[in-house]
Structures are given as structure tokens and as C-alpha cells.
Amino acid sequence: MPSPKKIVLLGATGSIGENTCRVVAKHPDKLELLAIAGRYRWRKLVDIARQFNVPHVAIYDEACCEEAQQSGLFPAETQFHCGLQGLIDVSVLAEAKLVVPAIVGTLALKPTLAALEHGKDIALASKEILVLAGKFVMATAKKHGSMMLPLDSEHNAIFQCLQGEREIDVDRLILTASGGPFRDFTREQMTGITKEMALKHPNWSMGPKITIDSSTMANKGLELIEARWLFDMPAERIDVTIHPQSIVHSMVQYVDGSIIAQLSPPIMTFAIQHTLLYPERGAGTDATLDFSQLMSLDFRPPCTEQFPCLRLAREAAVAGGIATGAFNASNEVAVEAFVADKIGYLDIPRVIEKTLESIANRDPDNLDELLAADAEARNIAAEKVIALGGTVAQ
């Protein structure tokens, strides 16, 4: 019997990390956690390290890492890795087969690139990595023969729908979106949206940043940009449709008009398990759909007037260059300001649009130029927040 696939899990304390651990627990003969990483919540890493006997633990925050080492709560043989370099070190461990970047934002960019340079396969959950640096990440994966396996449910669905088909026969990719909690709101109703309302998703259990992004449909915009890189598909050939039930996770339309879809309940373990076990399959971690029960599947086009973040993301994807990274950076700044009660809900797309209008788009030649453009976009977005009456912590 082959030995289990050794996995490095970056972002073990988040919702993706929790569900990844559930899948690993379901298939201990096929999957093994070699390393886990978190940013601040090291006490949550203790339980994971003990449950799965994980030999390597990385903690991004240096003070938290030192506190964790001195706590005496981890198994005695635990090897600690601190800071950004610690995330990189566990990502290139010789025994690692698959690295799962599940950290919200772009923190996992350098560890992901390092893993690719060492020939590791990537199960990508941090969509911001491709949104910011798709050009460099995909080129690095190709150069070193690494697989970029999509772990997001929508991209994993497309990946499954493409299996066994010829690239030349693909016409369009169709991403499904729940529409979030405000899909049926009028523009007038949206003026009264509070932070508490935006943090309640009707279908999915996710972290606060992703939940708010889902409510504005910025998240679907990020997924559109990510799909452009993962599947080498022009943004003009990627559609989005509102599907409130979140059962059809995405679809592929072929040149003959046939459409292939992937269906499963709105539970992340389905996409995670497919990605971790690929190219194999195994018994499901959670119960699947029951077609003996009444079920409805509804679809409708999104309204970009109601959800301008989706329009702005598509425009950035078509423009290319640093525009997609600027979209992501300004969205992060705006969402942080909204959560801190510094701007209103409808100010989020305003900050993004004003940032995209203010930054000169260009095609970066290297990663340093790209990261400088990301910092520039964040500074511009912070200025726009202040102009709207908010303040941004320095």
C-alpha cells in the first residue's frame, strides 16, 4: 500500500483549514498532515497538532510563535517555524507532496512560489494569489512541472467538468454565485446594510472577509480573475450566474452548446476532498444530495448596478497588468474600513472604483514591481477611505 500523501496546510485555523482537517481525518490511509501554519491563533494549532501528530508548526506572528514555543502545550517533538520565512520553510519541506495555501489575502504568495520552485503541487484556496500574481505563479508552476489544483468549490467544479475534454472544444466557463444575503435587495434597501447583516451568509460558513466579499460579489469577481489564470481563459469568455441554492458549483459550456455541471451540497469538504485525493476519489466526508427529495435549482443573471464590484473585477480582468491586483488591494482596504465602521457598505465599491481610476495600469516585469504596485494601490485606497469620511490606521 502506498504511503499517505504528505500535506502542508497554510491557514489551518480558518474555515478551509478546519474542513481540510476533516477530510484528512476521514482518509488517514491516504492523507497525512506534515505541517500546519497559522497567523495568530496558535492555541487552535495545538489541538490540530495533537490530533494529527503534526511534526512541523509555522506561526507567522513572531510574538505568537515565541509564546507557542514556550507554552509547553504542543507535542514535545514539534518543530517550530516563525514568521514569513517559517511559512516558506514548511512549504518546501522535502517530504511534502502537496501545499494548501488557505490564508486569506496575499500572505501565502511567497510560500506558494517557493513551493512551486521546489516542484510541489499546489491545492489553491487563496484566490488572491492568482489575482495579484497570476502571471508569475502560473509561469513558475509550468517551469517546474507542478500542478495547480483548484480547491475553491467553483474552480474545482470547472476542473472536474473539463476532465477528458479537449481544450479546443471549450466555449465558455460559467461560475455560479449564491448572490449572498442581499441578492433580492433594492438599491434603496442596500443603503441600510450593516456589518452584522453582511456577515450572515445564507448558504456557506466562511470567514468574515470572504463572507462580506460574497455579499458585495467582490468574491465572485476575484474568482473570475482566478479562473482566467487557472484555465487560461479570456475574461470575456467567463460568465457569472446567480444560483441561490449553491448546489451547482459551476459549469462548462462546449462549442456544441452542451453544458456540463458539477453538483454537490454547499459544503467545502466535497471540493477539498477531490483536490487532496486527486487523481483518486474516496468515500465522501459528508452526505451528498438526495434526489428522492423535492429540489429546485434556480438561475438568473447578476445585476451589476446592484453589485458594481463584479463589474469592476471584470473590467480589471480585461485590462490585465496591475489592475487585478489593484482591485484586490483596494477591496481589502475598503472591507477592513467597513468592518471597522469607518465607511458605509456602499462605499466599498466606491473605494475600489476610485482606486482603479487613480492608478496607472502597467504590466510588471518582476515580482518586486508587482508588490510595489500592490502597496501603491493600498495607499491610494486608504486615501479614498479618508476622502469618504473614514480613517485608516497607519
Protein backbone atom coordinates (compact mmCIF):
# COMPACT_ATOMS: atom_id res chain seq x y z
CA MET A 1 0.00 0.00 0.00
CA PRO A 2 1.43 3.43 -0.93
CA SER A 3 2.27 5.80 1.91
CA PRO A 4 -0.12 8.70 2.62
CA LYS A 5 0.26 11.94 0.66
CA LYS A 6 2.06 14.44 2.94
CA ILE A 7 0.35 17.82 3.10
CA VAL A 8 1.42 21.30 4.22
CA LEU A 9 -1.62 23.29 5.34
CA LEU A 10 -1.12 27.08 5.40
CA GLY A 11 -4.09 28.61 7.21
CA ALA A 12 -5.03 25.63 9.34
CA THR A 13 -7.15 27.67 11.78
CA GLY A 14 -9.61 29.08 9.22
CA SER A 15 -12.75 27.52 7.76
CA ILE A 16 -10.85 25.94 4.83
CA GLY A 17 -8.27 24.61 7.28
CA GLU A 18 -10.94 23.12 9.53
CA ASN A 19 -12.61 21.33 6.63
CA THR A 20 -9.26 20.15 5.30
CA CYS A 21 -8.59 18.55 8.68
CA ARG A 22 -11.97 16.81 8.49
CA VAL A 23 -11.05 15.33 5.12
CA VAL A 24 -7.63 14.21 6.39
CA ALA A 25 -9.32 12.57 9.39
CA LYS A 26 -11.68 10.73 7.02
CA HIS A 27 -8.80 9.34 4.92
CA PRO A 28 -5.82 8.71 7.25
CA ASP A 29 -4.56 5.95 4.96
CA LYS A 30 -4.29 8.38 2.03
CA LEU A 31 -3.54 11.79 3.60
CA GLU A 32 -1.15 12.99 6.30
CA LEU A 33 -0.52 16.48 7.72
CA LEU A 34 3.20 17.15 7.59
CA ALA A 35 2.98 20.82 8.59
CA ILE A 36 0.33 23.29 9.71
CA ALA A 37 0.54 27.07 9.77
CA GLY A 38 -1.41 29.98 11.20
CA ARG A 39 -1.06 33.69 11.71
CA TYR A 40 -2.03 34.40 15.34
CA ARG A 41 -4.37 31.72 16.73
CA TRP A 42 -1.68 29.30 17.85
CA ARG A 43 -3.85 27.71 20.56
CA LYS A 44 -6.07 26.33 17.82
CA LEU A 45 -2.97 24.82 16.21
CA VAL A 46 -2.32 22.90 19.44
CA ASP A 47 -5.44 20.77 19.00
CA ILE A 48 -4.63 20.06 15.35
CA ALA A 49 -1.01 19.20 16.10
CA ARG A 50 -2.06 16.77 18.82
CA GLN A 51 -4.92 15.18 16.90
CA PHE A 52 -2.85 14.50 13.80
CA ASN A 53 0.61 14.24 15.40
CA VAL A 54 1.90 17.03 13.11
CA PRO A 55 5.70 17.36 13.26
CA HIS A 56 6.02 20.92 11.89
CA VAL A 57 4.16 24.06 13.05
CA ALA A 58 4.63 27.51 11.49
CA ILE A 59 3.28 30.73 13.03
CA TYR A 60 3.52 33.99 11.09
CA ASP A 61 3.37 36.38 14.05
CA GLU A 62 6.80 36.28 15.72
CA ALA A 63 5.49 37.08 19.22
CA CYS A 64 2.77 34.41 18.96
CA CYS A 65 5.33 31.92 17.69
CA GLU A 66 7.56 32.52 20.70
CA GLU A 67 4.59 32.26 23.05
CA ALA A 68 3.56 28.96 21.44
CA GLN A 69 7.06 27.51 21.78
CA GLN A 70 7.18 28.39 25.47
CA SER A 71 3.65 27.17 26.21
CA GLY A 72 4.52 23.50 26.57
CA LEU A 73 1.16 22.63 25.02
CA PHE A 74 2.44 21.19 21.75
CA PRO A 75 3.82 17.68 21.43
CA ALA A 76 7.42 17.61 22.68
CA GLU A 77 8.84 16.74 19.26
CA THR A 78 7.15 19.68 17.46
CA GLN A 79 9.49 21.72 15.25
CA PHE A 80 8.52 25.40 15.16
CA HIS A 81 8.98 27.80 12.24
CA CYS A 82 8.40 31.53 12.77
CA GLY A 83 7.49 34.48 10.58
CA LEU A 84 7.20 34.63 6.81
CA GLN A 85 10.39 32.61 6.49
CA GLY A 86 8.75 29.95 8.63
CA LEU A 87 5.83 29.71 6.19
CA ILE A 88 8.33 29.37 3.35
CA ASP A 89 10.39 26.75 5.20
CA VAL A 90 7.46 24.39 5.80
CA SER A 91 6.27 24.88 2.21
CA VAL A 92 9.50 23.45 0.82
CA LEU A 93 9.94 20.51 3.20
CA ALA A 94 11.46 17.65 1.23
CA GLU A 95 8.74 15.18 2.23
CA ALA A 96 5.87 17.47 1.23
CA LYS A 97 3.86 16.45 -1.80
CA LEU A 98 1.01 18.99 -1.69
CA VAL A 99 0.87 22.52 -0.26
CA VAL A 100 -2.54 24.02 0.58
CA PRO A 101 -2.41 27.84 0.71
CA ALA A 102 -5.60 28.67 2.62
CA ILE A 103 -4.60 32.04 4.05
CA VAL A 104 -6.92 34.94 3.21
CA GLY A 105 -5.10 37.66 1.30
CA THR A 106 -1.68 37.57 -0.35
CA LEU A 107 0.45 36.47 2.62
CA ALA A 108 0.84 33.00 1.10
CA LEU A 109 2.25 34.33 -2.22
CA LYS A 110 5.95 33.89 -1.42
CA PRO A 111 5.50 30.48 0.28
CA THR A 112 3.48 29.32 -2.74
CA LEU A 113 6.12 30.46 -5.21
CA ALA A 114 8.82 28.78 -3.10
CA ALA A 115 6.84 25.53 -3.05
CA LEU A 116 6.41 25.65 -6.83
CA GLU A 117 10.13 26.26 -7.31
CA HIS A 118 10.73 23.05 -5.35
CA GLY A 119 8.34 21.09 -7.54
CA LYS A 120 5.48 20.85 -5.04
CA ASP A 121 1.90 20.62 -6.23
CA ILE A 122 -0.49 23.34 -5.00
CA ALA A 123 -4.09 22.93 -3.83
CA LEU A 124 -5.03 26.58 -4.15
CA ALA A 125 -7.59 28.10 -1.77
CA SER A 126 -6.16 31.65 -1.54
CA LYS A 127 -7.62 33.16 -4.71
CA GLU A 128 -5.83 36.47 -4.07
CA ILE A 129 -2.52 34.83 -5.03
CA LEU A 130 -3.54 34.47 -8.67
CA VAL A 131 -5.46 37.74 -8.66
CA LEU A 132 -2.28 39.58 -7.67
CA ALA A 133 0.39 37.50 -9.38
CA GLY A 134 -1.23 35.04 -11.78
CA LYS A 135 1.33 35.76 -14.49
CA PHE A 136 4.25 34.81 -12.24
CA VAL A 137 2.61 31.95 -10.34
CA MET A 138 1.41 30.09 -13.43
CA ALA A 139 4.76 30.59 -15.19
CA THR A 140 6.58 29.18 -12.16
CA ALA A 141 4.26 26.16 -11.99
CA LYS A 142 4.81 25.45 -15.68
CA LYS A 143 8.58 25.82 -15.41
CA HIS A 144 8.87 23.31 -12.55
CA GLY A 145 6.16 20.88 -13.68
CA SER A 146 3.92 21.49 -10.67
CA MET A 147 0.15 21.07 -10.71
CA MET A 148 -2.11 23.96 -9.72
CA LEU A 149 -5.17 22.18 -8.36
CA PRO A 150 -8.15 24.46 -7.60
CA LEU A 151 -9.62 23.95 -4.14
CA ASP A 152 -12.35 26.65 -4.28
CA SER A 153 -15.66 24.91 -4.96
CA GLU A 154 -16.33 26.89 -8.16
CA HIS A 155 -12.92 26.31 -9.71
CA ASN A 156 -12.82 22.73 -8.55
CA ALA A 157 -16.18 22.23 -10.28
CA ILE A 158 -14.82 23.63 -13.54
CA PHE A 159 -11.71 21.46 -13.17
CA GLN A 160 -13.92 18.37 -12.85
CA CYS A 161 -16.12 19.42 -15.80
CA LEU A 162 -13.04 19.77 -18.03
CA GLN A 163 -11.69 16.28 -17.37
CA GLY A 164 -11.37 14.19 -20.53
CA GLU A 165 -12.37 17.06 -22.83
CA ARG A 166 -10.30 18.82 -25.48
CA GLU A 167 -9.32 22.42 -24.77
CA ILE A 168 -10.33 23.43 -28.30
CA ASP A 169 -13.91 22.30 -27.62
CA VAL A 170 -14.45 24.63 -24.63
CA ASP A 171 -16.62 27.66 -25.39
CA ARG A 172 -17.27 29.32 -22.02
CA LEU A 173 -16.83 28.88 -18.30
CA ILE A 174 -19.85 29.63 -16.12
CA LEU A 175 -19.26 30.49 -12.47
CA THR A 176 -22.24 30.20 -10.16
CA ALA A 177 -22.82 32.66 -7.33
CA SER A 178 -25.26 32.43 -4.45
CA GLY A 179 -25.81 36.19 -4.68
CA GLY A 180 -25.21 36.46 -0.95
CA PRO A 181 -27.71 37.77 1.61
CA PHE A 182 -28.65 40.86 -0.43
CA ARG A 183 -29.40 39.31 -3.81
CA ASP A 184 -33.06 40.40 -3.60
CA PHE A 185 -32.44 43.83 -2.07
CA THR A 186 -33.34 47.01 -3.88
CA ARG A 187 -30.73 49.74 -4.18
CA GLU A 188 -32.61 51.70 -1.53
CA GLN A 189 -32.55 48.75 0.87
CA MET A 190 -28.80 48.35 0.35
CA THR A 191 -28.17 51.81 1.80
CA GLY A 192 -29.12 50.44 5.21
CA ILE A 193 -26.85 47.37 5.21
CA THR A 194 -24.85 46.99 8.43
CA LYS A 195 -21.74 44.98 9.24
CA GLU A 196 -23.82 42.47 11.18
CA MET A 197 -26.11 41.94 8.17
CA ALA A 198 -23.17 41.50 5.77
CA LEU A 199 -21.57 38.85 7.99
CA LYS A 200 -24.54 36.47 7.67
CA HIS A 201 -24.31 34.29 4.55
CA PRO A 202 -27.44 32.27 3.65
CA ASN A 203 -25.60 29.13 2.46
CA TRP A 204 -21.93 28.96 3.38
CA SER A 205 -19.97 29.08 6.65
CA MET A 206 -16.87 31.17 5.88
CA GLY A 207 -14.54 33.69 7.46
CA PRO A 208 -15.62 37.36 7.82
CA LYS A 209 -13.62 38.75 4.88
CA ILE A 210 -14.91 36.15 2.40
CA THR A 211 -18.46 36.47 3.76
CA ILE A 212 -18.51 40.22 3.16
CA ASP A 213 -16.89 39.75 -0.25
CA SER A 214 -19.66 37.31 -1.10
CA SER A 215 -22.30 39.85 -0.11
CA THR A 216 -20.80 42.50 -2.45
CA MET A 217 -19.98 39.87 -5.12
CA ALA A 218 -16.36 41.04 -4.99
CA ASN A 219 -15.60 37.42 -4.16
CA LYS A 220 -17.12 36.30 -7.46
CA GLY A 221 -15.08 38.96 -9.21
CA LEU A 222 -11.93 37.57 -7.63
CA GLU A 223 -12.97 34.08 -8.74
CA LEU A 224 -13.49 35.32 -12.29
CA ILE A 225 -9.93 36.67 -12.33
CA GLU A 226 -8.60 33.46 -10.77
CA ALA A 227 -10.40 31.35 -13.39
CA ARG A 228 -8.81 33.44 -16.13
CA TRP A 229 -5.37 32.26 -14.93
CA LEU A 230 -6.16 28.73 -13.80
CA PHE A 231 -7.82 27.74 -17.06
CA ASP A 232 -6.08 30.15 -19.45
CA MET A 233 -9.43 31.59 -20.47
CA PRO A 234 -10.04 35.23 -21.53
CA ALA A 235 -12.27 37.11 -19.11
CA GLU A 236 -14.72 37.77 -21.95
CA ARG A 237 -15.45 34.02 -22.05
CA ILE A 238 -16.16 33.65 -18.35
CA ASP A 239 -19.77 34.21 -17.27
CA VAL A 240 -21.39 34.52 -13.84
CA THR A 241 -24.91 33.40 -12.99
CA ILE A 242 -26.84 33.75 -9.73
CA HIS A 243 -27.78 30.34 -8.32
CA PRO A 244 -29.29 30.81 -4.84
CA GLN A 245 -29.17 27.14 -3.79
CA SER A 246 -25.36 26.81 -4.25
CA ILE A 247 -25.77 23.22 -5.43
CA VAL A 248 -24.45 23.64 -8.98
CA HIS A 249 -20.95 24.84 -8.20
CA SER A 250 -20.03 25.86 -11.75
CA MET A 251 -20.41 24.76 -15.37
CA VAL A 252 -18.53 24.49 -18.65
CA GLN A 253 -20.23 25.21 -21.96
CA TYR A 254 -18.77 23.49 -25.04
CA VAL A 255 -18.79 24.61 -28.66
CA ASP A 256 -21.71 22.31 -29.49
CA GLY A 257 -23.86 24.03 -26.86
CA SER A 258 -23.64 21.19 -24.34
CA ILE A 259 -23.15 22.28 -20.73
CA ILE A 260 -21.53 20.07 -18.10
CA ALA A 261 -22.12 20.95 -14.44
CA GLN A 262 -20.81 19.69 -11.10
CA LEU A 263 -23.31 19.34 -8.24
CA SER A 264 -22.89 18.74 -4.52
CA PRO A 265 -24.21 20.24 -1.28
CA PRO A 266 -22.82 23.66 -0.24
CA ILE A 267 -20.18 22.08 1.99
CA MET A 268 -16.48 22.70 1.36
CA THR A 269 -15.37 19.14 2.06
CA PHE A 270 -16.50 17.99 -1.40
CA ALA A 271 -14.13 20.28 -3.28
CA ILE A 272 -11.35 19.86 -0.71
CA GLN A 273 -11.51 16.08 -0.79
CA HIS A 274 -11.49 15.93 -4.58
CA THR A 275 -8.42 18.17 -4.66
CA LEU A 276 -6.46 16.41 -1.93
CA LEU A 277 -7.11 12.91 -3.26
CA TYR A 278 -6.74 13.77 -6.96
CA PRO A 279 -6.49 11.82 -9.23
CA GLU A 280 -8.19 9.29 -6.93
CA ARG A 281 -11.60 9.50 -5.30
CA GLY A 282 -12.78 8.17 -1.96
CA ALA A 283 -15.82 7.84 0.26
CA GLY A 284 -17.32 11.25 0.97
CA THR A 285 -16.68 13.13 4.21
CA ASP A 286 -20.26 14.47 4.25
CA ALA A 287 -23.61 13.19 2.96
CA THR A 288 -24.38 14.10 -0.65
CA LEU A 289 -27.57 15.23 -2.42
CA ASP A 290 -30.76 13.19 -2.07
CA PHE A 291 -32.74 13.28 -5.31
CA SER A 292 -35.63 11.42 -3.72
CA GLN A 293 -36.45 14.74 -2.03
CA LEU A 294 -38.00 17.80 -3.68
CA MET A 295 -35.31 20.11 -5.00
CA SER A 296 -35.30 23.30 -7.07
CA LEU A 297 -32.39 24.81 -8.99
CA ASP A 298 -32.81 28.46 -9.97
CA PHE A 299 -30.58 30.67 -12.11
CA ARG A 300 -30.64 34.33 -13.07
CA PRO A 301 -28.13 36.88 -14.36
CA PRO A 302 -26.43 39.16 -11.82
CA CYS A 303 -27.24 42.87 -11.75
CA THR A 304 -24.00 44.83 -11.96
CA GLU A 305 -25.79 48.02 -10.92
CA GLN A 306 -26.73 46.29 -7.69
CA PHE A 307 -23.29 44.64 -7.40
CA PRO A 308 -20.74 47.01 -9.01
CA CYS A 309 -17.80 45.06 -7.55
CA LEU A 310 -18.45 42.31 -10.11
CA ARG A 311 -18.34 44.82 -12.97
CA LEU A 312 -15.14 46.38 -11.64
CA ALA A 313 -13.47 42.97 -11.31
CA ARG A 314 -14.36 42.06 -14.89
CA GLU A 315 -13.02 45.39 -16.16
CA ALA A 316 -9.79 44.78 -14.24
CA ALA A 317 -9.51 41.26 -15.65
CA VAL A 318 -9.91 42.56 -19.20
CA ALA A 319 -7.38 45.36 -18.59
CA GLY A 320 -4.80 42.97 -17.11
CA GLY A 321 -1.48 44.24 -15.79
CA ILE A 322 -1.61 45.53 -12.23
CA ALA A 323 -5.33 46.28 -12.45
CA THR A 324 -6.41 42.95 -10.95
CA GLY A 325 -4.02 43.34 -8.03
CA ALA A 326 -5.27 46.91 -7.53
CA PHE A 327 -8.85 45.62 -7.44
CA ASN A 328 -7.91 43.10 -4.75
CA ALA A 329 -5.84 45.56 -2.70
CA SER A 330 -8.45 48.30 -2.72
CA ASN A 331 -11.18 45.81 -1.86
CA GLU A 332 -9.19 44.58 1.14
CA VAL A 333 -8.66 48.14 2.38
CA ALA A 334 -12.33 49.01 1.85
CA VAL A 335 -13.66 45.89 3.58
CA GLU A 336 -11.34 46.46 6.54
CA ALA A 337 -12.61 50.04 6.79
CA PHE A 338 -16.23 48.87 6.60
CA VAL A 339 -15.71 46.26 9.33
CA ALA A 340 -14.14 48.99 11.47
CA ASP A 341 -17.26 51.17 10.94
CA LYS A 342 -15.24 53.82 9.08
CA ILE A 343 -17.17 53.71 5.81
CA GLY A 344 -20.61 52.51 4.73
CA TYR A 345 -21.41 49.31 2.86
CA LEU A 346 -21.96 51.06 -0.48
CA ASP A 347 -18.62 52.84 -0.06
CA ILE A 348 -16.78 49.56 -0.66
CA PRO A 349 -17.22 49.61 -4.47
CA ARG A 350 -16.67 53.40 -4.46
CA VAL A 351 -13.21 52.96 -2.92
CA ILE A 352 -12.38 50.24 -5.46
CA GLU A 353 -13.55 52.26 -8.45
CA LYS A 354 -11.78 55.44 -7.38
CA THR A 355 -8.57 53.47 -6.78
CA LEU A 356 -8.71 51.84 -10.22
CA GLU A 357 -9.31 55.25 -11.79
CA SER A 358 -6.34 56.76 -9.95
CA ILE A 359 -3.67 54.13 -10.57
CA ALA A 360 -1.77 53.95 -13.86
CA ASN A 361 -2.14 50.44 -15.22
CA ARG A 362 1.01 48.68 -16.44
CA ASP A 363 2.40 45.18 -16.94
CA PRO A 364 5.04 44.45 -14.25
CA ASP A 365 8.27 42.75 -15.33
CA ASN A 366 9.03 41.15 -11.97
CA LEU A 367 7.58 40.36 -8.57
CA ASP A 368 9.14 43.39 -6.88
CA GLU A 369 7.35 45.71 -9.32
CA LEU A 370 4.13 43.85 -8.68
CA LEU A 371 4.42 44.14 -4.90
CA ALA A 372 5.26 47.83 -5.22
CA ALA A 373 2.10 48.32 -7.29
CA ASP A 374 0.11 46.45 -4.62
CA ALA A 375 1.44 48.81 -1.95
CA GLU A 376 0.66 51.81 -4.17
CA ALA A 377 -2.94 50.64 -4.63
CA ARG A 378 -3.37 50.17 -0.89
CA ASN A 379 -2.12 53.69 -0.22
CA ILE A 380 -4.48 55.15 -2.81
CA ALA A 381 -7.40 53.16 -1.40
CA ALA A 382 -6.59 54.40 2.10
CA GLU A 383 -6.71 57.97 0.78
CA LYS A 384 -10.12 57.28 -0.78
CA VAL A 385 -11.40 55.92 2.53
CA ILE A 386 -10.31 59.13 4.25
CA ALA A 387 -11.93 61.21 1.49
CA LEU A 388 -15.20 59.39 2.20
CA GLY A 389 -15.00 60.44 5.83
CA GLY A 390 -13.22 57.43 7.27
CA THR A 391 -9.82 57.00 8.85
CA VAL A 392 -7.23 54.32 8.22
CA ALA A 393 -4.86 53.08 10.90
CA GLN A 394 -1.23 53.51 9.98
